[in-house]
Protein backbone atom coordinates (compact mmCIF):
# COMPACT_ATOMS: atom_id res chain seq x y z
CA MET A 1 101.37 137.81 91.43
CA ILE A 2 101.47 134.18 89.51
CA LEU A 3 101.31 132.88 93.28
CA GLU A 4 98.42 134.96 94.31
CA VAL A 5 96.19 133.83 91.22
CA VAL A 6 97.52 130.18 91.80
CA VAL A 7 96.39 130.46 95.25
CA LEU A 8 92.90 131.63 94.53
CA ALA A 9 92.52 129.38 91.31
CA ALA A 10 93.29 126.04 94.03
CA ALA A 11 90.31 127.65 96.43
CA VAL A 12 87.85 127.92 93.44
CA ALA A 13 88.57 124.60 92.53
CA MET A 14 88.46 122.90 95.63
CA SER A 15 85.19 124.48 96.04
CA LEU A 16 83.80 123.40 92.91
CA TYR A 17 84.93 119.80 93.49
CA SER A 18 82.62 117.47 94.73
CA ARG A 19 84.77 115.52 97.05
CA THR A 20 86.26 118.81 98.51
CA ARG A 21 83.39 121.50 98.21
CA THR A 22 81.98 120.98 101.63
CA PHE A 23 85.53 122.23 103.21
CA GLY A 24 85.13 125.25 100.78
CA PHE A 25 85.68 127.99 103.54
CA ALA A 26 88.44 126.12 104.60
CA PHE A 27 90.17 126.65 101.62
CA TRP A 28 88.86 130.41 101.63
CA VAL A 29 90.21 131.43 104.73
CA VAL A 30 94.00 129.69 104.05
CA ALA A 31 93.65 131.46 100.56
CA PHE A 32 93.17 135.01 101.92
CA VAL A 33 95.30 134.70 104.80
CA TRP A 34 98.32 133.26 102.92
CA ILE A 35 97.90 136.54 100.25
CA ALA A 36 97.71 139.05 102.77
CA TYR A 37 100.96 137.79 103.94
CA LEU A 38 102.43 137.75 100.67
CA ARG A 39 100.77 141.08 99.56
CA PRO A 40 99.96 142.89 102.71
CA GLU A 41 99.17 146.17 100.34
CA LEU A 42 96.13 144.66 99.06
CA PHE A 43 94.55 144.75 102.30
CA SER A 44 95.90 147.88 103.48
CA ASP A 45 93.74 150.23 102.26
CA TRP A 46 90.91 150.65 99.09
CA PHE A 47 89.83 153.99 97.73
CA GLY A 48 91.88 156.03 100.47
CA VAL A 49 89.91 154.01 103.36
CA ARG A 50 91.87 151.96 106.03
CA LEU A 51 90.45 148.57 106.15
CA LYS A 52 91.31 148.10 109.67
CA GLY A 53 89.01 150.47 110.85
CA VAL A 54 86.06 148.71 108.95
CA VAL A 55 87.01 145.25 111.01
CA PRO A 56 84.15 145.75 113.38
CA THR A 57 81.39 146.30 111.01
CA LEU A 58 83.04 142.78 109.02
CA ILE A 59 82.28 141.14 112.36
CA GLN A 60 79.07 142.46 112.33
CA ILE A 61 77.98 141.85 109.47
CA ALA A 62 79.39 137.77 110.19
CA MET A 63 77.25 137.70 113.11
CA PHE A 64 73.98 138.85 111.70
CA GLY A 65 74.26 135.96 109.05
CA MET A 66 74.97 133.46 111.74
CA GLY A 67 72.00 134.48 113.68
CA ALA A 68 70.03 134.53 110.65
CA THR A 69 70.40 131.09 110.27
CA LEU A 70 69.41 130.40 113.65
CA THR A 71 65.83 129.92 115.22
CA ILE A 72 64.44 130.21 118.74
CA GLU A 73 64.10 126.09 118.42
CA ASP A 74 67.85 126.14 118.50
CA PHE A 75 68.18 127.90 122.10
CA ALA A 76 64.99 125.56 123.57
CA ARG A 77 66.80 122.67 122.48
CA VAL A 78 68.90 123.85 125.94
CA LEU A 79 66.05 121.51 127.88
CA LYS A 80 66.07 118.83 125.67
CA MET A 81 69.65 118.12 126.51
CA PRO A 82 70.77 119.99 129.12
CA LYS A 83 73.74 118.00 130.56
CA ALA A 84 75.69 117.80 126.97
CA VAL A 85 75.15 121.84 126.80
CA ALA A 86 76.10 122.35 129.92
CA ILE A 87 79.36 120.11 129.88
CA GLY A 88 80.13 121.52 126.42
CA CYS A 89 79.70 125.42 127.35
CA GLY A 90 81.88 124.67 130.89
CA LEU A 91 84.46 122.76 128.92
CA GLN A 92 84.82 125.70 126.33
CA TYR A 93 84.95 128.58 128.71
CA SER A 94 87.03 126.53 131.00
CA VAL A 95 89.90 124.39 128.68
CA MET A 96 90.21 126.89 126.38
CA PRO A 97 91.19 129.49 128.25
CA LEU A 98 93.43 127.68 130.52
CA VAL A 99 95.32 125.92 128.02
CA GLY A 100 95.92 129.01 126.28
CA TRP A 101 97.43 130.34 129.44
CA GLY A 102 99.77 127.30 130.14
CA LEU A 103 100.55 127.66 126.47
CA ALA A 104 101.23 131.82 126.66
CA SER A 105 103.15 131.00 129.72
CA MET A 106 105.45 128.11 128.93
CA VAL A 107 106.34 129.56 125.15
CA GLY A 108 107.77 132.82 126.07
CA LEU A 109 106.40 135.04 123.57
CA PRO A 110 106.37 138.58 124.11
CA PRO A 111 103.24 139.99 126.44
CA GLU A 112 101.02 140.89 124.05
CA VAL A 113 101.14 138.04 121.90
CA ALA A 114 100.86 135.80 124.81
CA ALA A 115 97.59 137.57 125.70
CA GLY A 116 96.07 136.70 122.69
CA ILE A 117 96.66 132.99 122.79
CA ILE A 118 94.13 133.53 125.89
CA LEU A 119 92.06 135.81 124.01
CA VAL A 120 91.49 133.69 121.36
CA GLY A 121 90.57 130.38 123.77
CA ALA A 122 88.26 132.76 125.71
CA CYS A 123 86.40 133.17 122.79
CA PRO A 124 83.11 130.92 121.89
CA GLY A 125 82.88 128.17 119.17
CA GLY A 126 83.76 129.10 115.68
CA VAL A 127 81.27 129.24 112.91
CA SER A 128 82.09 126.88 110.97
CA SER A 129 81.90 123.85 113.42
CA ASN A 130 78.08 122.92 112.77
CA VAL A 131 79.12 122.11 109.16
CA ILE A 132 82.14 119.96 110.72
CA THR A 133 79.89 118.37 113.51
CA TYR A 134 77.94 117.37 110.30
CA LEU A 135 80.70 115.50 108.11
CA ALA A 136 81.92 114.03 111.60
CA LYS A 137 78.68 112.57 112.14
CA GLY A 138 78.28 114.41 115.46
CA ASN A 139 75.10 115.77 116.63
CA ILE A 140 74.20 118.77 114.32
CA ALA A 141 71.21 119.51 117.22
CA LEU A 142 73.74 120.23 119.82
CA SER A 143 76.41 121.88 117.84
CA VAL A 144 74.30 124.53 116.88
CA THR A 145 72.91 124.95 120.11
CA MET A 146 76.10 125.41 121.67
CA THR A 147 77.74 127.29 119.40
CA ALA A 148 74.47 129.67 119.83
CA CYS A 149 74.71 129.27 123.81
CA SER A 150 78.47 130.08 124.07
CA THR A 151 78.42 133.21 121.89
CA LEU A 152 75.69 134.79 124.49
CA MET A 153 77.67 134.04 127.37
CA SER A 154 80.83 135.58 125.42
CA PRO A 155 79.71 139.51 126.85
CA ILE A 156 80.45 138.14 130.41
CA MET A 157 82.89 134.68 129.90
CA THR A 158 85.55 136.54 127.78
CA PRO A 159 86.02 139.33 129.81
CA LEU A 160 86.18 137.38 132.50
CA ALA A 161 88.78 134.73 131.22
CA MET A 162 90.65 137.95 130.01
CA LYS A 163 90.67 139.41 133.13
CA LEU A 164 91.60 136.94 135.38
CA LEU A 165 94.39 135.13 132.86
CA ALA A 166 95.67 137.51 130.88
CA GLY A 167 95.11 140.92 133.22
CA GLN A 168 98.68 140.90 134.07
CA LEU A 169 100.15 140.66 130.41
CA VAL A 170 98.15 143.53 128.83
CA GLU A 171 95.33 145.93 130.68
CA VAL A 172 92.09 144.78 130.14
CA ASP A 173 89.34 146.94 130.77
CA PHE A 174 86.29 143.89 131.24
CA TRP A 175 82.96 146.75 130.62
CA LYS A 176 84.63 147.88 127.58
CA MET A 177 85.33 144.52 126.03
CA LEU A 178 81.49 143.59 127.66
CA TRP A 179 80.02 146.61 125.83
CA SER A 180 81.99 145.43 122.10
CA ILE A 181 81.39 141.77 122.51
CA VAL A 182 77.32 143.42 122.68
CA THR A 183 77.63 145.12 119.91
CA THR A 184 79.71 143.44 117.57
CA VAL A 185 78.56 139.73 118.46
CA VAL A 186 75.19 139.97 120.41
CA LEU A 187 73.08 142.67 118.46
CA PRO A 188 74.09 141.27 115.26
CA ILE A 189 72.73 137.63 115.77
CA ALA A 190 69.95 139.23 117.64
CA GLY A 191 69.33 141.33 114.36
CA GLY A 192 69.14 138.01 112.13
CA LEU A 193 66.88 136.26 114.84
CA VAL A 194 64.37 138.64 114.11
CA VAL A 195 64.96 138.59 110.13
CA ASN A 196 65.28 134.56 110.22
CA ARG A 197 61.79 134.95 112.41
CA ALA A 198 59.83 137.34 109.73
CA ILE A 199 60.61 135.71 107.14
CA ARG A 200 59.15 132.82 108.50
CA TRP A 201 56.27 134.45 109.80
CA TRP A 202 55.54 135.70 106.53
CA GLY A 203 55.56 132.42 105.11
CA TRP A 204 58.67 133.08 102.46
CA SER A 205 61.25 130.44 101.41
CA THR A 206 64.08 130.99 103.47
CA GLU A 207 66.84 128.97 102.04
CA SER A 208 67.68 131.88 99.70
CA ALA A 209 67.80 134.29 102.31
CA GLU A 210 69.74 132.21 104.75
CA LYS A 211 72.17 131.26 101.48
CA THR A 212 72.70 134.67 100.73
CA LEU A 213 73.49 135.91 104.37
CA SER A 214 75.59 132.66 105.31
CA ARG A 215 77.89 133.32 102.07
CA LEU A 216 78.03 137.07 103.26
CA ALA A 217 79.11 136.08 106.32
CA MET A 218 81.79 133.74 105.20
CA LEU A 219 83.53 136.45 102.98
CA ALA A 220 83.67 138.92 105.82
CA ILE A 221 85.42 136.18 108.18
CA CYS A 222 87.84 135.84 105.04
CA LEU A 223 88.49 139.74 104.95
CA ILE A 224 88.93 140.16 108.70
CA CYS A 225 91.74 137.55 108.59
CA ALA A 226 93.45 138.78 105.42
CA ILE A 227 93.06 142.32 106.98
CA ILE A 228 94.41 141.42 110.15
CA MET A 229 97.09 139.35 108.85
CA ALA A 230 98.29 142.30 106.33
CA ASP A 231 98.13 144.75 109.39
CA ALA A 232 100.36 142.07 112.04
CA ARG A 233 102.34 140.54 109.58
CA ASP A 234 105.81 142.45 110.70
CA ALA A 235 104.87 141.49 113.80
CA LEU A 236 104.30 137.94 112.63
CA GLN A 237 107.80 137.61 111.33
CA SER A 238 109.21 138.68 114.33
CA VAL A 239 107.73 135.58 116.76
CA GLY A 240 107.50 133.16 114.02
CA MET A 241 107.26 129.80 114.18
CA LEU A 242 106.76 129.92 118.35
CA LEU A 243 103.49 130.89 117.68
CA VAL A 244 102.64 128.67 114.96
CA ILE A 245 103.65 126.20 117.13
CA ALA A 246 101.18 127.44 120.12
CA VAL A 247 97.98 127.86 118.19
CA GLY A 248 98.21 124.30 116.83
CA LEU A 249 98.91 122.96 120.12
CA HIS A 250 95.83 125.15 121.74
CA ASN A 251 93.53 124.07 119.14
CA LEU A 252 94.39 119.91 119.28
CA ALA A 253 94.21 120.40 123.26
CA GLY A 254 90.47 121.73 122.30
CA TYR A 255 90.00 118.72 120.40
CA ALA A 256 91.84 116.39 122.75
CA PHE A 257 89.98 117.61 126.38
CA GLY A 258 86.97 118.17 124.47
CA TYR A 259 86.26 114.46 123.33
CA GLY A 260 88.43 113.07 126.43
CA LEU A 261 86.21 114.88 129.03
CA SER A 262 83.11 114.55 127.78
CA ARG A 263 83.53 110.11 127.18
CA LEU A 264 84.58 110.49 131.09
CA ALA A 265 81.42 112.56 131.59
CA GLY A 266 79.14 109.83 130.10
CA LEU A 267 77.89 111.75 127.00
CA SER A 268 77.54 109.47 124.10
CA GLU A 269 79.93 109.34 120.71
CA ALA A 270 78.31 111.66 118.67
CA GLU A 271 77.67 114.13 121.55
CA CYS A 272 81.65 113.52 122.15
CA ARG A 273 82.60 114.40 118.87
CA THR A 274 80.30 117.46 119.21
CA VAL A 275 81.60 119.05 121.87
CA ALA A 276 85.46 118.24 120.49
CA ILE A 277 84.80 120.21 117.69
CA GLU A 278 83.05 122.74 119.25
CA VAL A 279 85.97 123.46 122.05
CA GLY A 280 88.53 123.13 119.50
CA LEU A 281 87.10 125.37 116.95
CA GLN A 282 87.44 129.26 118.03
CA ASN A 283 85.80 132.13 116.93
CA GLY A 284 88.54 133.89 115.51
CA GLY A 285 86.95 136.63 113.64
CA MET A 286 85.67 137.82 117.35
CA GLY A 287 89.04 137.22 118.74
CA ALA A 288 91.14 139.95 116.30
CA THR A 289 88.38 142.20 116.43
CA LEU A 290 88.52 142.42 120.01
CA ALA A 291 92.35 142.53 120.16
CA SER A 292 92.34 145.06 117.67
CA GLU A 293 89.52 147.16 118.97
CA VAL A 294 89.71 146.83 122.77
CA LEU A 295 93.14 145.76 123.71
CA LYS A 296 94.56 148.10 120.88
CA SER A 297 97.22 145.25 119.51
CA THR A 298 98.25 143.84 116.38
CA GLN A 299 100.19 141.79 118.30
CA ALA A 300 97.54 140.25 120.16
CA ALA A 301 95.42 139.59 117.09
CA LEU A 302 97.95 137.69 115.75
CA ALA A 303 96.80 134.14 117.48
CA SER A 304 93.16 134.65 116.15
CA VAL A 305 94.11 135.07 112.69
CA LEU A 306 96.47 131.93 112.74
CA PHE A 307 93.70 129.72 114.62
CA ALA A 308 91.24 130.44 112.09
CA PRO A 309 92.65 128.97 109.25
CA TRP A 310 94.62 126.43 111.49
CA MET A 311 91.33 125.13 112.86
CA ASN A 312 89.58 125.22 109.77
CA VAL A 313 91.77 122.65 108.04
CA THR A 314 92.43 120.26 111.08
CA GLY A 315 89.10 120.13 111.93
CA SER A 316 88.18 119.31 108.29
CA ILE A 317 90.50 116.46 108.70
CA LEU A 318 89.32 115.34 111.85
CA ALA A 319 85.78 114.90 110.41
CA SER A 320 87.05 113.17 107.41
CA TRP A 321 88.63 110.50 109.87
CA TRP A 322 85.74 110.49 112.31
CA ARG A 323 83.06 109.81 109.19
CA ALA A 324 84.92 106.54 107.74
CA ARG A 325 84.47 105.39 111.49
CA PRO A 326 80.85 105.41 111.60
CA VAL A 327 79.34 105.77 115.05
CA GLU A 328 77.62 103.13 116.38
CA ASP A 329 75.50 104.16 119.45
CA GLU A 330 71.35 103.95 118.73
CA ASP A 331 71.60 107.44 119.82
CA SER A 332 74.05 108.17 117.07
CA LYS A 333 72.12 107.65 113.86
CA GLU A 334 73.04 109.30 110.64
CA PRO A 335 72.21 113.13 112.05
CA ALA A 336 70.13 115.51 109.64
CA GLN A 337 72.08 117.36 107.11
CA PRO A 338 72.74 121.48 108.16
CA SER A 339 70.83 123.75 106.16
CA SER A 340 72.53 125.68 103.19
CA ALA A 341 73.57 128.54 104.99
CA GLN A 342 75.07 126.28 107.89
CA GLN A 343 77.15 124.22 105.42
CA SER A 344 78.81 127.53 103.87
CA HIS A 345 79.81 128.63 107.42
């Protein structure tokens, strides 16, 4: 019990310390996952309710919180930066699924675990990408727009990638996965957009509402990762370091291909950094939910559960490295700081 308290205390300290506060979400995800690994019984059931059954509701809460930080203008920006958005979303749904498939084929993991690597690669961008982009001196508007667009594309692109690349490993029901993404991701985001619009229409201050909803979303994502880890701990111990290595390489490949191919496509330095982060960071909560609810496989959820804390740590390190190397282009002036809601993600 002492170790769990130390882990939580470290997360609290890192969240309060001014120099590490912005990385608070990464520390909390790592803390929840580590505690779930050490004490899985803490996240198995509460008051007689199996926590695994509430994972879809938690991802809906997280997506609602994300939607509440978005506006219609975030989607309208596609018209202002079509090339960057098209390249970014194209890489999102080509690089990561294909790299996942390649790693799954090379490493020699059990079929369901291998399918999970492809699944996390087929998911849209992670919700923490906006603040990571800000820290890396990237293009905040592009980051928000890419996250929104890749998420709205996911009902078609995620099941399609899974059917094509993982169909021989596990049974993939395209329509069931599509509907699951619509109900757990798209509709909650749309609901958040409506709430955001209503608040603005009435002339109320959105800052406190966005801050509360984003913190709720952050807690939901931490709980999702902890619940899946608790349920999958034994399976993780059986595959061990191979999966950890595969997940790490998958994430790093996303950064490398995202940046390098964007550079070849002629995007600016700020845009390249942004695309690299968007491609490298995946929605692990969504991947874990689809693995559990659609594929009905705890083992398939393992990659998503490991990817979430890993990507937040590496993303924070990459952002710090880039922040120390200011962008010199004219089109890459210091970007506007994201809203408090986006920072909480």
